[in-house]
Amino acid sequence: MEESPDRVMLRVRELFTQSGLTLEALGQRMGYRGATARKAAWQFVSRTNDPRVSMLRKFARAVGVPIADLFAEEQKRGTK
């Protein structure tokens, strides 16, 4: 089953919340510096509807999960 961008971004938001990171810390881990870090992370987490694979890779690395976890079906992740 192919995941829609909306479902992937819901998973991104869920993982961000679970990570306990601030937007600034997330942005820095994604490779942004200074004042740009917080804004870039906020835009990705809050405003992106159809993310690029490169951004998903950066995000997955930043929160310490395999990129496949962003596409995992709910049953495979152990949630109902």
N, C-alpha and C. Protein backbone atom coordinates (compact mmCIF):
# COMPACT_ATOMS: atom_id res chain seq x y z
N MET A 1 0.85 -1.18 0.00
CA MET A 1 0.00 0.00 0.00
C MET A 1 0.89 1.24 0.00
N GLU A 2 0.67 2.11 -0.92
CA GLU A 2 1.45 3.34 -1.01
C GLU A 2 0.84 4.40 -0.10
N GLU A 3 1.70 5.06 0.66
CA GLU A 3 1.24 6.09 1.58
C GLU A 3 1.05 7.41 0.86
N SER A 4 0.02 8.14 1.23
CA SER A 4 -0.21 9.46 0.67
C SER A 4 0.67 10.47 1.40
N PRO A 5 0.99 11.60 0.75
CA PRO A 5 1.77 12.63 1.44
C PRO A 5 1.14 13.06 2.76
N ASP A 6 -0.19 13.12 2.80
CA ASP A 6 -0.87 13.52 4.04
C ASP A 6 -0.58 12.55 5.18
N ARG A 7 -0.61 11.26 4.89
CA ARG A 7 -0.34 10.25 5.93
C ARG A 7 1.12 10.30 6.35
N VAL A 8 2.00 10.52 5.39
CA VAL A 8 3.42 10.62 5.72
C VAL A 8 3.66 11.82 6.63
N MET A 9 3.04 12.95 6.32
CA MET A 9 3.25 14.14 7.15
C MET A 9 2.59 14.00 8.52
N LEU A 10 1.51 13.26 8.62
CA LEU A 10 0.94 12.97 9.93
C LEU A 10 1.94 12.18 10.76
N ARG A 11 2.60 11.23 10.12
CA ARG A 11 3.63 10.43 10.81
C ARG A 11 4.82 11.32 11.20
N VAL A 12 5.22 12.23 10.31
CA VAL A 12 6.30 13.16 10.61
C VAL A 12 5.95 13.97 11.86
N ARG A 13 4.76 14.50 11.91
CA ARG A 13 4.34 15.31 13.05
C ARG A 13 4.31 14.48 14.33
N GLU A 14 3.85 13.25 14.22
CA GLU A 14 3.81 12.35 15.37
C GLU A 14 5.24 12.08 15.88
N LEU A 15 6.14 11.78 14.97
CA LEU A 15 7.53 11.50 15.36
C LEU A 15 8.21 12.74 15.93
N PHE A 16 7.89 13.89 15.39
CA PHE A 16 8.47 15.13 15.93
C PHE A 16 8.03 15.32 17.37
N THR A 17 6.74 15.14 17.64
CA THR A 17 6.22 15.29 18.99
C THR A 17 6.88 14.29 19.93
N GLN A 18 7.00 13.05 19.49
CA GLN A 18 7.61 12.01 20.31
C GLN A 18 9.09 12.26 20.56
N SER A 19 9.74 12.94 19.64
CA SER A 19 11.19 13.16 19.76
C SER A 19 11.55 14.06 20.94
N GLY A 20 10.64 14.94 21.32
CA GLY A 20 10.92 15.88 22.40
C GLY A 20 11.85 17.01 21.98
N LEU A 21 12.18 17.08 20.70
CA LEU A 21 13.05 18.14 20.20
C LEU A 21 12.30 19.45 20.08
N THR A 22 13.02 20.55 20.22
CA THR A 22 12.44 21.85 19.89
C THR A 22 12.54 22.02 18.38
N LEU A 23 11.82 22.99 17.85
CA LEU A 23 11.93 23.26 16.42
C LEU A 23 13.36 23.68 16.06
N GLU A 24 13.99 24.45 16.92
CA GLU A 24 15.36 24.88 16.66
C GLU A 24 16.31 23.69 16.62
N ALA A 25 16.18 22.78 17.58
CA ALA A 25 17.04 21.59 17.61
C ALA A 25 16.80 20.71 16.39
N LEU A 26 15.53 20.54 16.01
CA LEU A 26 15.21 19.75 14.82
C LEU A 26 15.85 20.38 13.59
N GLY A 27 15.67 21.68 13.43
CA GLY A 27 16.24 22.37 12.29
C GLY A 27 17.75 22.22 12.23
N GLN A 28 18.40 22.32 13.37
CA GLN A 28 19.85 22.16 13.41
C GLN A 28 20.26 20.75 13.01
N ARG A 29 19.53 19.77 13.51
CA ARG A 29 19.83 18.37 13.16
C ARG A 29 19.56 18.09 11.69
N MET A 30 18.66 18.88 11.10
CA MET A 30 18.37 18.71 9.67
C MET A 30 19.38 19.46 8.80
N GLY A 31 20.29 20.19 9.43
CA GLY A 31 21.36 20.83 8.69
C GLY A 31 21.25 22.33 8.52
N TYR A 32 20.28 22.94 9.18
CA TYR A 32 20.12 24.39 9.09
C TYR A 32 20.86 25.06 10.24
N ARG A 33 21.27 26.29 10.03
CA ARG A 33 22.04 27.01 11.04
C ARG A 33 21.38 28.32 11.42
N GLY A 34 21.71 28.78 12.63
CA GLY A 34 21.26 30.09 13.07
C GLY A 34 19.75 30.21 13.11
N ALA A 35 19.29 31.42 12.80
CA ALA A 35 17.86 31.73 12.84
C ALA A 35 17.07 30.92 11.82
N THR A 36 17.72 30.42 10.81
CA THR A 36 17.05 29.64 9.77
C THR A 36 16.57 28.30 10.28
N ALA A 37 17.27 27.73 11.27
CA ALA A 37 16.97 26.38 11.75
C ALA A 37 15.52 26.25 12.23
N ARG A 38 15.10 27.13 13.11
CA ARG A 38 13.75 27.04 13.66
C ARG A 38 12.69 27.24 12.58
N LYS A 39 12.89 28.24 11.74
CA LYS A 39 11.91 28.54 10.70
C LYS A 39 11.79 27.40 9.69
N ALA A 40 12.92 26.85 9.28
CA ALA A 40 12.91 25.75 8.31
C ALA A 40 12.21 24.53 8.88
N ALA A 41 12.50 24.21 10.14
CA ALA A 41 11.85 23.06 10.77
C ALA A 41 10.35 23.30 10.91
N TRP A 42 9.97 24.50 11.33
CA TRP A 42 8.54 24.82 11.47
C TRP A 42 7.82 24.69 10.13
N GLN A 43 8.42 25.22 9.09
CA GLN A 43 7.79 25.13 7.77
C GLN A 43 7.65 23.69 7.33
N PHE A 44 8.68 22.89 7.58
CA PHE A 44 8.60 21.49 7.17
C PHE A 44 7.52 20.75 7.95
N VAL A 45 7.53 20.88 9.26
CA VAL A 45 6.58 20.13 10.10
C VAL A 45 5.16 20.66 9.97
N SER A 46 4.99 21.96 9.88
CA SER A 46 3.66 22.56 9.94
C SER A 46 3.03 22.90 8.60
N ARG A 47 3.84 23.20 7.60
CA ARG A 47 3.29 23.72 6.36
C ARG A 47 3.47 22.82 5.14
N THR A 48 4.31 21.81 5.25
CA THR A 48 4.57 20.95 4.10
C THR A 48 3.43 19.96 3.93
N ASN A 49 2.95 19.85 2.70
CA ASN A 49 1.89 18.90 2.39
C ASN A 49 2.37 17.78 1.49
N ASP A 50 3.39 18.05 0.69
CA ASP A 50 3.91 17.06 -0.26
C ASP A 50 5.44 17.12 -0.19
N PRO A 51 6.03 16.47 0.82
CA PRO A 51 7.46 16.61 1.07
C PRO A 51 8.33 15.93 0.03
N ARG A 52 9.51 16.50 -0.18
CA ARG A 52 10.51 15.88 -1.04
C ARG A 52 11.18 14.76 -0.25
N VAL A 53 11.64 13.76 -0.96
CA VAL A 53 12.32 12.64 -0.33
C VAL A 53 13.56 13.12 0.41
N SER A 54 14.27 14.09 -0.15
CA SER A 54 15.48 14.60 0.51
C SER A 54 15.15 15.20 1.88
N MET A 55 14.02 15.86 2.00
CA MET A 55 13.61 16.44 3.29
C MET A 55 13.20 15.33 4.27
N LEU A 56 12.54 14.31 3.76
CA LEU A 56 12.16 13.19 4.62
C LEU A 56 13.40 12.48 5.15
N ARG A 57 14.42 12.34 4.31
CA ARG A 57 15.68 11.73 4.76
C ARG A 57 16.30 12.55 5.89
N LYS A 58 16.37 13.86 5.68
CA LYS A 58 16.94 14.74 6.71
C LYS A 58 16.16 14.63 8.01
N PHE A 59 14.85 14.62 7.90
CA PHE A 59 14.01 14.54 9.09
C PHE A 59 14.23 13.21 9.81
N ALA A 60 14.18 12.12 9.07
CA ALA A 60 14.35 10.79 9.68
C ALA A 60 15.70 10.70 10.41
N ARG A 61 16.74 11.20 9.78
CA ARG A 61 18.06 11.20 10.40
C ARG A 61 18.04 12.05 11.67
N ALA A 62 17.37 13.19 11.61
CA ALA A 62 17.34 14.12 12.74
C ALA A 62 16.64 13.53 13.96
N VAL A 63 15.60 12.74 13.74
CA VAL A 63 14.88 12.17 14.89
C VAL A 63 15.32 10.73 15.18
N GLY A 64 16.26 10.22 14.40
CA GLY A 64 16.85 8.92 14.68
C GLY A 64 16.01 7.71 14.34
N VAL A 65 15.27 7.80 13.22
CA VAL A 65 14.49 6.65 12.78
C VAL A 65 14.84 6.34 11.33
N PRO A 66 14.66 5.09 10.91
CA PRO A 66 14.84 4.77 9.50
C PRO A 66 13.77 5.47 8.68
N ILE A 67 14.12 5.89 7.49
CA ILE A 67 13.14 6.60 6.64
C ILE A 67 11.91 5.73 6.39
N ALA A 68 12.09 4.43 6.37
CA ALA A 68 10.96 3.52 6.16
C ALA A 68 9.88 3.70 7.21
N ASP A 69 10.27 4.13 8.42
CA ASP A 69 9.28 4.34 9.48
C ASP A 69 8.28 5.44 9.13
N LEU A 70 8.66 6.33 8.24
CA LEU A 70 7.74 7.40 7.84
C LEU A 70 6.64 6.87 6.93
N PHE A 71 6.90 5.71 6.32
CA PHE A 71 5.96 5.12 5.38
C PHE A 71 5.29 3.87 5.91
N ALA A 72 5.66 3.46 7.12
CA ALA A 72 5.16 2.21 7.68
C ALA A 72 3.66 2.27 7.90
N GLU A 73 3.04 1.16 7.58
CA GLU A 73 1.61 1.06 7.84
C GLU A 73 1.41 0.99 9.35
N GLU A 74 0.29 1.45 9.82
CA GLU A 74 0.02 1.52 11.25
C GLU A 74 0.19 0.15 11.93
N GLN A 75 -0.29 -0.92 11.32
CA GLN A 75 -0.20 -2.25 11.91
C GLN A 75 1.25 -2.68 12.08
N LYS A 76 2.10 -2.34 11.12
CA LYS A 76 3.50 -2.72 11.18
C LYS A 76 4.24 -1.96 12.25
N ARG A 77 3.75 -0.76 12.61
CA ARG A 77 4.39 0.04 13.66
C ARG A 77 3.92 -0.38 15.04
N GLY A 78 2.91 -1.27 15.10
CA GLY A 78 2.44 -1.75 16.39
C GLY A 78 1.34 -0.88 16.99
N THR A 79 0.79 0.07 16.22
CA THR A 79 -0.33 0.86 16.72
C THR A 79 -1.61 0.40 16.05
N LYS A 80 -2.70 0.77 16.65
CA LYS A 80 -3.99 0.36 16.07
C LYS A 80 -4.77 1.54 15.63
